[in-house]
PDB file of all heavy atoms in Angstrom:
ATOM      1  N   ASP A   1     124.989 175.923 128.957  1.00  0.00           N
ATOM      2  CA  ASP A   1     125.545 176.841 129.959  1.00  0.00           C
ATOM      3  C   ASP A   1     127.053 176.984 129.802  1.00  0.00           C
ATOM      4  O   ASP A   1     127.729 176.054 129.367  1.00  0.00           O
ATOM      5  CB  ASP A   1     125.261 176.337 131.376  1.00  0.00           C
ATOM      6  CG  ASP A   1     123.819 176.542 131.785  1.00  0.00           C
ATOM      7  OD1 ASP A   1     123.249 177.596 131.447  1.00  0.00           O
ATOM      8  OD2 ASP A   1     123.269 175.646 132.441  1.00  0.00           O
ATOM      9  N   PHE A   2     127.566 178.131 130.211  1.00  0.00           N
ATOM     10  CA  PHE A   2     129.008 178.353 130.229  1.00  0.00           C
ATOM     11  C   PHE A   2     129.618 177.601 131.407  1.00  0.00           C
ATOM     12  O   PHE A   2     129.031 177.509 132.480  1.00  0.00           O
ATOM     13  CB  PHE A   2     129.334 179.843 130.373  1.00  0.00           C
ATOM     14  CG  PHE A   2     129.290 180.572 129.063  1.00  0.00           C
ATOM     15  CD1 PHE A   2     128.114 181.123 128.602  1.00  0.00           C
ATOM     16  CD2 PHE A   2     130.429 180.693 128.288  1.00  0.00           C
ATOM     17  CE1 PHE A   2     128.067 181.789 127.393  1.00  0.00           C
ATOM     18  CE2 PHE A   2     130.403 181.359 127.076  1.00  0.00           C
ATOM     19  CZ  PHE A   2     129.212 181.912 126.631  1.00  0.00           C
ATOM     20  N   SER A   3     130.802 177.076 131.181  1.00  0.00           N
ATOM     21  CA  SER A   3     131.584 176.429 132.226  1.00  0.00           C
ATOM     22  C   SER A   3     133.038 176.787 131.956  1.00  0.00           C
ATOM     23  O   SER A   3     133.544 176.551 130.860  1.00  0.00           O
ATOM     24  CB  SER A   3     131.391 174.911 132.179  1.00  0.00           C
ATOM     25  OG  SER A   3     132.196 174.290 133.151  1.00  0.00           O
ATOM     26  N   GLU A   4     133.672 177.391 132.944  1.00  0.00           N
ATOM     27  CA  GLU A   4     135.055 177.836 132.808  1.00  0.00           C
ATOM     28  C   GLU A   4     135.251 178.755 131.603  1.00  0.00           C
ATOM     29  O   GLU A   4     136.254 178.699 130.906  1.00  0.00           O
ATOM     30  CB  GLU A   4     136.006 176.640 132.753  1.00  0.00           C
ATOM     31  CG  GLU A   4     135.990 175.818 134.017  1.00  0.00           C
ATOM     32  CD  GLU A   4     137.034 174.727 134.065  1.00  0.00           C
ATOM     33  OE1 GLU A   4     137.887 174.640 133.172  1.00  0.00           O
ATOM     34  OE2 GLU A   4     136.975 173.945 135.039  1.00  0.00           O
ATOM     35  N   GLY A   5     134.249 179.591 131.346  1.00  0.00           N
ATOM     36  CA  GLY A   5     134.360 180.598 130.296  1.00  0.00           C
ATOM     37  C   GLY A   5     134.021 180.123 128.896  1.00  0.00           C
ATOM     38  O   GLY A   5     134.110 180.898 127.944  1.00  0.00           O
ATOM     39  N   LEU A   6     133.612 178.874 128.736  1.00  0.00           N
ATOM     40  CA  LEU A   6     133.270 178.329 127.421  1.00  0.00           C
ATOM     41  C   LEU A   6     131.882 177.695 127.452  1.00  0.00           C
ATOM     42  O   LEU A   6     131.495 177.087 128.446  1.00  0.00           O
ATOM     43  CB  LEU A   6     134.294 177.283 126.978  1.00  0.00           C
ATOM     44  CG  LEU A   6     135.727 177.768 126.813  1.00  0.00           C
ATOM     45  CD1 LEU A   6     136.645 176.608 126.466  1.00  0.00           C
ATOM     46  CD2 LEU A   6     135.818 178.851 125.748  1.00  0.00           C
ATOM     47  N   ALA A   7     131.159 177.838 126.337  1.00  0.00           N
ATOM     48  CA  ALA A   7     129.834 177.227 126.215  1.00  0.00           C
ATOM     49  C   ALA A   7     129.787 176.373 124.960  1.00  0.00           C
ATOM     50  O   ALA A   7     130.274 176.765 123.894  1.00  0.00           O
ATOM     51  CB  ALA A   7     128.741 178.297 126.151  1.00  0.00           C
ATOM     52  N   LEU A   8     129.173 175.225 125.082  1.00  0.00           N
ATOM     53  CA  LEU A   8     128.962 174.326 123.957  1.00  0.00           C
ATOM     54  C   LEU A   8     127.840 174.884 123.096  1.00  0.00           C
ATOM     55  O   LEU A   8     126.768 175.214 123.612  1.00  0.00           O
ATOM     56  CB  LEU A   8     128.588 172.934 124.473  1.00  0.00           C
ATOM     57  CG  LEU A   8     128.303 171.869 123.424  1.00  0.00           C
ATOM     58  CD1 LEU A   8     129.595 171.456 122.739  1.00  0.00           C
ATOM     59  CD2 LEU A   8     127.644 170.667 124.087  1.00  0.00           C
ATOM     60  N   VAL A   9     128.089 174.991 121.796  1.00  0.00           N
ATOM     61  CA  VAL A   9     127.074 175.484 120.872  1.00  0.00           C
ATOM     62  C   VAL A   9     127.102 174.676 119.584  1.00  0.00           C
ATOM     63  O   VAL A   9     128.105 174.056 119.235  1.00  0.00           O
ATOM     64  CB  VAL A   9     127.273 176.985 120.522  1.00  0.00           C
ATOM     65  CG1 VAL A   9     127.073 177.869 121.741  1.00  0.00           C
ATOM     66  CG2 VAL A   9     128.618 177.233 119.870  1.00  0.00           C
ATOM     67  N   ALA A  10     125.978 174.697 118.880  1.00  0.00           N
ATOM     68  CA  ALA A  10     125.891 174.169 117.522  1.00  0.00           C
ATOM     69  C   ALA A  10     125.230 175.258 116.703  1.00  0.00           C
ATOM     70  O   ALA A  10     124.095 175.662 116.992  1.00  0.00           O
ATOM     71  CB  ALA A  10     125.078 172.883 117.482  1.00  0.00           C
ATOM     72  N   GLU A  11     125.934 175.752 115.724  1.00  0.00           N
ATOM     73  CA  GLU A  11     125.407 176.818 114.881  1.00  0.00           C
ATOM     74  C   GLU A  11     124.730 176.198 113.666  1.00  0.00           C
ATOM     75  O   GLU A  11     125.187 175.181 113.143  1.00  0.00           O
ATOM     76  CB  GLU A  11     126.554 177.733 114.433  1.00  0.00           C
ATOM     77  CG  GLU A  11     126.077 179.006 113.781  1.00  0.00           C
ATOM     78  CD  GLU A  11     127.205 179.995 113.568  1.00  0.00           C
ATOM     79  OE1 GLU A  11     128.071 180.127 114.455  1.00  0.00           O
ATOM     80  OE2 GLU A  11     127.200 180.637 112.507  1.00  0.00           O
ATOM     81  N   TYR A  12     123.622 176.799 113.242  1.00  0.00           N
ATOM     82  CA  TYR A  12     122.977 176.324 112.031  1.00  0.00           C
ATOM     83  C   TYR A  12     123.995 176.361 110.909  1.00  0.00           C
ATOM     84  O   TYR A  12     124.772 177.296 110.775  1.00  0.00           O
ATOM     85  CB  TYR A  12     121.754 177.177 111.685  1.00  0.00           C
ATOM     86  CG  TYR A  12     120.566 176.832 112.545  1.00  0.00           C
ATOM     87  CD1 TYR A  12     120.251 177.599 113.652  1.00  0.00           C
ATOM     88  CD2 TYR A  12     119.791 175.714 112.272  1.00  0.00           C
ATOM     89  CE1 TYR A  12     119.180 177.275 114.466  1.00  0.00           C
ATOM     90  CE2 TYR A  12     118.725 175.381 113.081  1.00  0.00           C
ATOM     91  CZ  TYR A  12     118.420 176.163 114.175  1.00  0.00           C
ATOM     92  OH  TYR A  12     117.367 175.819 114.978  1.00  0.00           O
ATOM     93  N   GLY A  13     124.039 175.281 110.137  1.00  0.00           N
ATOM     94  CA  GLY A  13     124.995 175.189 109.051  1.00  0.00           C
ATOM     95  C   GLY A  13     126.228 174.372 109.417  1.00  0.00           C
ATOM     96  O   GLY A  13     127.023 174.020 108.564  1.00  0.00           O
ATOM     97  N   TRP A  14     126.400 174.089 110.719  1.00  0.00           N
ATOM     98  CA  TRP A  14     127.549 173.276 111.133  1.00  0.00           C
ATOM     99  C   TRP A  14     127.259 171.780 110.959  1.00  0.00           C
ATOM    100  O   TRP A  14     128.115 170.957 111.199  1.00  0.00           O
ATOM    101  CB  TRP A  14     127.903 173.531 112.585  1.00  0.00           C
ATOM    102  CG  TRP A  14     128.614 174.815 112.848  1.00  0.00           C
ATOM    103  CD1 TRP A  14     128.965 175.782 111.942  1.00  0.00           C
ATOM    104  CD2 TRP A  14     129.073 175.284 114.111  1.00  0.00           C
ATOM    105  NE1 TRP A  14     129.604 176.807 112.563  1.00  0.00           N
ATOM    106  CE2 TRP A  14     129.691 176.544 113.905  1.00  0.00           C
ATOM    107  CE3 TRP A  14     129.030 174.778 115.406  1.00  0.00           C
ATOM    108  CZ2 TRP A  14     130.254 177.279 114.932  1.00  0.00           C
ATOM    109  CZ3 TRP A  14     129.584 175.518 116.419  1.00  0.00           C
ATOM    110  CH2 TRP A  14     130.194 176.756 116.185  1.00  0.00           C
ATOM    111  N   GLY A  15     126.050 171.438 110.577  1.00  0.00           N
ATOM    112  CA  GLY A  15     125.712 170.034 110.391  1.00  0.00           C
ATOM    113  C   GLY A  15     125.657 169.226 111.670  1.00  0.00           C
ATOM    114  O   GLY A  15     126.091 168.098 111.719  1.00  0.00           O
ATOM    115  N   ARG A  16     125.108 169.836 112.709  1.00  0.00           N
ATOM    116  CA  ARG A  16     124.954 169.204 114.032  1.00  0.00           C
ATOM    117  C   ARG A  16     126.296 168.894 114.686  1.00  0.00           C
ATOM    118  O   ARG A  16     126.401 168.051 115.571  1.00  0.00           O
ATOM    119  CB  ARG A  16     124.104 167.943 113.970  1.00  0.00           C
ATOM    120  CG  ARG A  16     122.672 168.165 113.577  1.00  0.00           C
ATOM    121  CD  ARG A  16     121.924 168.985 114.556  1.00  0.00           C
ATOM    122  NE  ARG A  16     121.280 168.145 115.568  1.00  0.00           N
ATOM    123  CZ  ARG A  16     120.789 168.610 116.682  1.00  0.00           C
ATOM    124  NH1 ARG A  16     120.843 169.880 116.947  1.00  0.00           N
ATOM    125  NH2 ARG A  16     120.219 167.832 117.543  1.00  0.00           N
ATOM    126  N   ALA A  17     127.349 169.554 114.266  1.00  0.00           N
ATOM    127  CA  ALA A  17     128.635 169.445 114.955  1.00  0.00           C
ATOM    128  C   ALA A  17     128.661 170.503 116.046  1.00  0.00           C
ATOM    129  O   ALA A  17     128.053 171.560 115.917  1.00  0.00           O
ATOM    130  CB  ALA A  17     129.788 169.655 113.974  1.00  0.00           C
ATOM    131  N   TYR A  18     129.363 170.206 117.111  1.00  0.00           N
ATOM    132  CA  TYR A  18     129.399 171.105 118.259  1.00  0.00           C
ATOM    133  C   TYR A  18     130.782 171.714 118.427  1.00  0.00           C
ATOM    134  O   TYR A  18     131.790 171.065 118.187  1.00  0.00           O
ATOM    135  CB  TYR A  18     129.015 170.352 119.541  1.00  0.00           C
ATOM    136  CG  TYR A  18     127.598 169.847 119.494  1.00  0.00           C
ATOM    137  CD1 TYR A  18     127.292 168.618 118.934  1.00  0.00           C
ATOM    138  CD2 TYR A  18     126.575 170.629 119.992  1.00  0.00           C
ATOM    139  CE1 TYR A  18     125.985 168.166 118.880  1.00  0.00           C
ATOM    140  CE2 TYR A  18     125.261 170.185 119.942  1.00  0.00           C
ATOM    141  CZ  TYR A  18     124.974 168.952 119.384  1.00  0.00           C
ATOM    142  OH  TYR A  18     123.677 168.519 119.323  1.00  0.00           O
ATOM    143  N   GLY A  19     130.789 172.970 118.848  1.00  0.00           N
ATOM    144  CA  GLY A  19     132.019 173.674 119.150  1.00  0.00           C
ATOM    145  C   GLY A  19     131.811 174.469 120.428  1.00  0.00           C
ATOM    146  O   GLY A  19     130.778 174.337 121.093  1.00  0.00           O
ATOM    147  N   PHE A  20     132.769 175.310 120.771  1.00  0.00           N
ATOM    148  CA  PHE A  20     132.687 176.105 121.988  1.00  0.00           C
ATOM    149  C   PHE A  20     132.950 177.574 121.676  1.00  0.00           C
ATOM    150  O   PHE A  20     133.809 177.892 120.850  1.00  0.00           O
ATOM    151  CB  PHE A  20     133.710 175.629 123.025  1.00  0.00           C
ATOM    152  CG  PHE A  20     133.362 174.310 123.648  1.00  0.00           C
ATOM    153  CD1 PHE A  20     133.743 173.123 123.048  1.00  0.00           C
ATOM    154  CD2 PHE A  20     132.650 174.253 124.833  1.00  0.00           C
ATOM    155  CE1 PHE A  20     133.425 171.901 123.624  1.00  0.00           C
ATOM    156  CE2 PHE A  20     132.324 173.038 125.421  1.00  0.00           C
ATOM    157  CZ  PHE A  20     132.720 171.860 124.807  1.00  0.00           C
ATOM    158  N   ILE A  21     132.190 178.447 122.344  1.00  0.00           N
ATOM    159  CA  ILE A  21     132.389 179.889 122.225  1.00  0.00           C
ATOM    160  C   ILE A  21     132.794 180.454 123.583  1.00  0.00           C
ATOM    161  O   ILE A  21     132.555 179.836 124.611  1.00  0.00           O
ATOM    162  CB  ILE A  21     131.119 180.613 121.714  1.00  0.00           C
ATOM    163  CG1 ILE A  21     129.946 180.416 122.691  1.00  0.00           C
ATOM    164  CG2 ILE A  21     130.771 180.174 120.295  1.00  0.00           C
ATOM    165  CD1 ILE A  21     128.744 181.299 122.411  1.00  0.00           C
ATOM    166  N   ASN A  22     133.380 181.662 123.550  1.00  0.00           N
ATOM    167  CA  ASN A  22     133.682 182.363 124.797  1.00  0.00           C
ATOM    168  C   ASN A  22     132.546 183.338 125.105  1.00  0.00           C
ATOM    169  O   ASN A  22     131.564 183.407 124.363  1.00  0.00           O
ATOM    170  CB  ASN A  22     135.051 183.057 124.742  1.00  0.00           C
ATOM    171  CG  ASN A  22     135.144 184.127 123.678  1.00  0.00           C
ATOM    172  OD1 ASN A  22     134.143 184.675 123.202  1.00  0.00           O
ATOM    173  ND2 ASN A  22     136.363 184.446 123.277  1.00  0.00           N
ATOM    174  N   THR A  23     132.673 184.114 126.168  1.00  0.00           N
ATOM    175  CA  THR A  23     131.590 184.999 126.608  1.00  0.00           C
ATOM    176  C   THR A  23     131.409 186.206 125.688  1.00  0.00           C
ATOM    177  O   THR A  23     130.458 186.958 125.857  1.00  0.00           O
ATOM    178  CB  THR A  23     131.832 185.486 128.050  1.00  0.00           C
ATOM    179  OG1 THR A  23     133.106 186.124 128.125  1.00  0.00           O
ATOM    180  CG2 THR A  23     131.760 184.327 129.037  1.00  0.00           C
ATOM    181  N   ARG A  24     132.273 186.374 124.715  1.00  0.00           N
ATOM    182  CA  ARG A  24     132.100 187.433 123.701  1.00  0.00           C
ATOM    183  C   ARG A  24     131.447 186.883 122.442  1.00  0.00           C
ATOM    184  O   ARG A  24     131.255 187.606 121.475  1.00  0.00           O
ATOM    185  CB  ARG A  24     133.451 188.076 123.382  1.00  0.00           C
ATOM    186  CG  ARG A  24     134.028 188.872 124.556  1.00  0.00           C
ATOM    187  CD  ARG A  24     135.345 189.554 124.233  1.00  0.00           C
ATOM    188  NE  ARG A  24     136.399 188.656 123.794  1.00  0.00           N
ATOM    189  CZ  ARG A  24     137.152 187.899 124.602  1.00  0.00           C
ATOM    190  NH1 ARG A  24     136.938 187.920 125.897  1.00  0.00           N
ATOM    191  NH2 ARG A  24     138.101 187.133 124.120  1.00  0.00           N
ATOM    192  N   GLY A  25     131.161 185.572 122.436  1.00  0.00           N
ATOM    193  CA  GLY A  25     130.525 184.942 121.284  1.00  0.00           C
ATOM    194  C   GLY A  25     131.515 184.508 120.218  1.00  0.00           C
ATOM    195  O   GLY A  25     131.112 184.074 119.140  1.00  0.00           O
TER     196      GLY A  25
END
C-alpha cells in the first residue's frame, strides 16, 4: 500500500531488493 505518497515494491530482476515508487509509478 501507498503511505505518504510512496509504495514499497520489488520489481522482477531487482533480485528481491525493495525500493519505493510514487503514484505515477
